[in-house]
Amino acid sequence: METTALISEIDKEIARLSEARNLLTDHRGGGPSKPARKRPTMSAAARKRIGDAQRKRWAAQKKAAATNSK
């Protein structure tokens, strides 16, 4: 086999293997995946305000349900 023919066959094999690799890496080209975005942290005071407001809504809902069931 001639050198140019051998190199041509090697190039074809490399192209075939590259295509198979791209299919296996979910079409991303095999690069590193994008890191997950971190959610901003909420302060303790903000969590307390949200929790208090939710408990107030639950109490109003419970009170309305008790009034309607009588």
C-alpha atoms as a PDB file:
ATOM      1  CA  MET A   1       0.000   0.000   0.000  1.00  0.00           C
ATOM      2  CA  GLU A   2       1.358   3.434  -0.874  1.00  0.00           C
ATOM      3  CA  THR A   3       2.060   6.022   1.780  1.00  0.00           C
ATOM      4  CA  THR A   4      -0.590   8.433   0.469  1.00  0.00           C
ATOM      5  CA  ALA A   5      -3.194   5.660   0.376  1.00  0.00           C
ATOM      6  CA  LEU A   6      -2.270   4.644   3.933  1.00  0.00           C
ATOM      7  CA  ILE A   7      -2.551   8.233   5.152  1.00  0.00           C
ATOM      8  CA  SER A   8      -5.907   8.560   3.384  1.00  0.00           C
ATOM      9  CA  GLU A   9      -7.223   5.434   5.125  1.00  0.00           C
ATOM     10  CA  ILE A  10      -5.988   6.703   8.496  1.00  0.00           C
ATOM     11  CA  ASP A  11      -7.729  10.057   7.914  1.00  0.00           C
ATOM     12  CA  LYS A  12     -10.984   8.267   7.081  1.00  0.00           C
ATOM     13  CA  GLU A  13     -10.703   6.198  10.260  1.00  0.00           C
ATOM     14  CA  ILE A  14     -10.005   9.316  12.339  1.00  0.00           C
ATOM     15  CA  ALA A  15     -13.069  11.038  10.853  1.00  0.00           C
ATOM     16  CA  ARG A  16     -15.223   7.989  11.581  1.00  0.00           C
ATOM     17  CA  LEU A  17     -13.989   7.784  15.180  1.00  0.00           C
ATOM     18  CA  SER A  18     -14.476  11.534  15.694  1.00  0.00           C
ATOM     19  CA  GLU A  19     -18.062  11.254  14.503  1.00  0.00           C
ATOM     20  CA  ALA A  20     -18.692   8.342  16.857  1.00  0.00           C
ATOM     21  CA  ARG A  21     -17.167  10.314  19.742  1.00  0.00           C
ATOM     22  CA  ASN A  22     -19.373  13.323  18.995  1.00  0.00           C
ATOM     23  CA  LEU A  23     -22.457  11.103  18.999  1.00  0.00           C
ATOM     24  CA  LEU A  24     -21.481   9.598  22.333  1.00  0.00           C
ATOM     25  CA  THR A  25     -20.806  12.991  23.925  1.00  0.00           C
ATOM     26  CA  ASP A  26     -24.301  14.250  23.075  1.00  0.00           C
ATOM     27  CA  HIS A  27     -23.271  16.529  20.187  1.00  0.00           C
ATOM     28  CA  ARG A  28     -21.303  18.869  22.444  1.00  0.00           C
ATOM     29  CA  GLY A  29     -18.013  18.186  20.764  1.00  0.00           C
ATOM     30  CA  GLY A  30     -16.623  16.534  23.861  1.00  0.00           C
ATOM     31  CA  GLY A  31     -15.882  19.798  25.618  1.00  0.00           C
ATOM     32  CA  PRO A  32     -16.401  20.324  29.314  1.00  0.00           C
ATOM     33  CA  SER A  33     -20.015  20.642  30.360  1.00  0.00           C
ATOM     34  CA  LYS A  34     -21.370  23.970  31.561  1.00  0.00           C
ATOM     35  CA  PRO A  35     -21.374  24.142  35.374  1.00  0.00           C
ATOM     36  CA  ALA A  36     -24.728  24.430  37.093  1.00  0.00           C
ATOM     37  CA  ARG A  37     -25.667  27.977  38.047  1.00  0.00           C
ATOM     38  CA  LYS A  38     -25.656  28.584  41.791  1.00  0.00           C
ATOM     39  CA  ARG A  39     -28.777  30.151  43.181  1.00  0.00           C
ATOM     40  CA  PRO A  40     -28.211  33.281  45.218  1.00  0.00           C
ATOM     41  CA  THR A  41     -28.327  32.653  48.936  1.00  0.00           C
ATOM     42  CA  MET A  42     -31.140  34.173  50.923  1.00  0.00           C
ATOM     43  CA  SER A  43     -30.512  35.897  54.224  1.00  0.00           C
ATOM     44  CA  ALA A  44     -31.986  34.515  57.412  1.00  0.00           C
ATOM     45  CA  ALA A  45     -34.137  37.636  57.787  1.00  0.00           C
ATOM     46  CA  ALA A  46     -35.587  37.170  54.300  1.00  0.00           C
ATOM     47  CA  ARG A  47     -36.341  33.497  54.984  1.00  0.00           C
ATOM     48  CA  LYS A  48     -38.064  34.521  58.236  1.00  0.00           C
ATOM     49  CA  ARG A  49     -40.202  37.158  56.473  1.00  0.00           C
ATOM     50  CA  ILE A  50     -41.238  34.683  53.786  1.00  0.00           C
ATOM     51  CA  GLY A  51     -42.021  31.987  56.368  1.00  0.00           C
ATOM     52  CA  ASP A  52     -44.043  34.373  58.503  1.00  0.00           C
ATOM     53  CA  ALA A  53     -46.043  35.541  55.478  1.00  0.00           C
ATOM     54  CA  GLN A  54     -46.736  31.944  54.426  1.00  0.00           C
ATOM     55  CA  ARG A  55     -47.871  30.976  57.929  1.00  0.00           C
ATOM     56  CA  LYS A  56     -50.181  34.031  57.920  1.00  0.00           C
ATOM     57  CA  ARG A  57     -51.685  32.876  54.586  1.00  0.00           C
ATOM     58  CA  TRP A  58     -52.148  29.346  55.932  1.00  0.00           C
ATOM     59  CA  ALA A  59     -53.860  30.688  59.068  1.00  0.00           C
ATOM     60  CA  ALA A  60     -56.233  32.812  56.972  1.00  0.00           C
ATOM     61  CA  GLN A  61     -57.002  29.836  54.747  1.00  0.00           C
ATOM     62  CA  LYS A  62     -57.618  27.601  57.758  1.00  0.00           C
ATOM     63  CA  LYS A  63     -59.858  30.246  59.342  1.00  0.00           C
ATOM     64  CA  ALA A  64     -61.861  30.655  56.120  1.00  0.00           C
ATOM     65  CA  ALA A  65     -62.284  26.881  55.824  1.00  0.00           C
ATOM     66  CA  ALA A  66     -63.493  26.633  59.423  1.00  0.00           C
ATOM     67  CA  THR A  67     -66.001  29.463  58.886  1.00  0.00           C
ATOM     68  CA  ASN A  68     -67.345  27.902  55.692  1.00  0.00           C
ATOM     69  CA  SER A  69     -67.768  24.441  57.207  1.00  0.00           C
ATOM     70  CA  LYS A  70     -70.079  25.634  60.043  1.00  0.00           C
END
